[in-house]
Amino acid sequence: MSTFNLALVLVVALLLVVVFVSVLAGLAYVTHRHPRLEKPLGVAIGGGSLLLGVVVGLVAVVALTT
């Protein structure tokens, strides 16, 4: 793997982590402001699981096509 490809993979991974954390924080904030919806941690974990499933699916598709 060339240096450029490695750097590109690391940048994409970093962006995925930033988006993942932002989505979890947003879900926790919304449920904290409206506590009748659900417990903040439970909703954040549920949203994170859904986001993680999407990311894993995308990585699997990319791995199978290359």
Protein backbone atom coordinates (compact mmCIF):
# COMPACT_ATOMS: atom_id res chain seq x y z
CA MET A 1 0.00 0.00 0.00
CA SER A 2 1.43 3.34 -0.97
CA THR A 3 1.88 6.19 1.45
CA PHE A 4 -0.87 8.21 -0.22
CA ASN A 5 -3.38 5.37 0.08
CA LEU A 6 -2.47 4.83 3.72
CA ALA A 7 -2.89 8.53 4.47
CA LEU A 8 -6.24 8.56 2.67
CA VAL A 9 -7.47 5.57 4.66
CA LEU A 10 -6.39 7.20 7.92
CA VAL A 11 -8.14 10.48 7.04
CA VAL A 12 -11.36 8.65 6.16
CA ALA A 13 -11.16 6.65 9.40
CA LEU A 14 -10.66 9.84 11.39
CA LEU A 15 -13.64 11.47 9.70
CA LEU A 16 -15.79 8.42 10.47
CA VAL A 17 -14.80 8.61 14.12
CA VAL A 18 -15.63 12.34 14.27
CA VAL A 19 -19.02 11.79 12.63
CA PHE A 20 -19.73 8.81 14.89
CA VAL A 21 -18.97 10.78 18.06
CA SER A 22 -20.96 13.79 16.81
CA VAL A 23 -24.03 11.66 16.10
CA LEU A 24 -23.84 10.00 19.52
CA ALA A 25 -23.44 13.36 21.25
CA GLY A 26 -26.36 14.81 19.28
CA LEU A 27 -28.63 11.91 20.19
CA ALA A 28 -27.66 12.13 23.85
CA TYR A 29 -28.29 15.89 23.87
CA VAL A 30 -31.71 15.64 22.24
CA THR A 31 -32.87 12.91 24.58
CA HIS A 32 -31.44 14.76 27.57
CA ARG A 33 -33.41 17.89 26.62
CA HIS A 34 -36.58 15.81 26.16
CA PRO A 35 -36.27 13.08 28.81
CA ARG A 36 -39.70 11.62 28.12
CA LEU A 37 -38.38 10.15 24.85
CA GLU A 38 -35.86 7.68 26.29
CA LYS A 39 -32.83 7.50 28.52
CA PRO A 40 -29.98 9.46 26.86
CA LEU A 41 -27.44 6.68 27.05
CA GLY A 42 -29.79 4.05 25.64
CA VAL A 43 -30.70 6.16 22.64
CA ALA A 44 -27.07 7.12 22.03
CA ILE A 45 -26.03 3.46 22.10
CA GLY A 46 -28.90 2.49 19.80
CA GLY A 47 -28.02 5.23 17.32
CA GLY A 48 -24.36 4.30 17.53
CA SER A 49 -25.17 0.67 16.81
CA LEU A 50 -27.18 1.67 13.77
CA LEU A 51 -24.42 3.97 12.51
CA LEU A 52 -21.80 1.29 13.15
CA GLY A 53 -23.85 -1.22 11.16
CA VAL A 54 -24.02 1.16 8.21
CA VAL A 55 -20.26 1.77 8.33
CA VAL A 56 -19.51 -1.96 8.53
CA GLY A 57 -21.82 -2.57 5.58
CA LEU A 58 -20.08 0.11 3.52
CA VAL A 59 -16.65 -1.28 4.39
CA ALA A 60 -17.80 -4.77 3.41
CA VAL A 61 -19.07 -3.52 0.05
CA VAL A 62 -15.82 -1.69 -0.64
CA ALA A 63 -13.78 -4.74 0.40
CA LEU A 64 -15.77 -7.01 -1.91
CA THR A 65 -15.53 -4.71 -4.91
CA THR A 66 -11.77 -4.17 -4.75
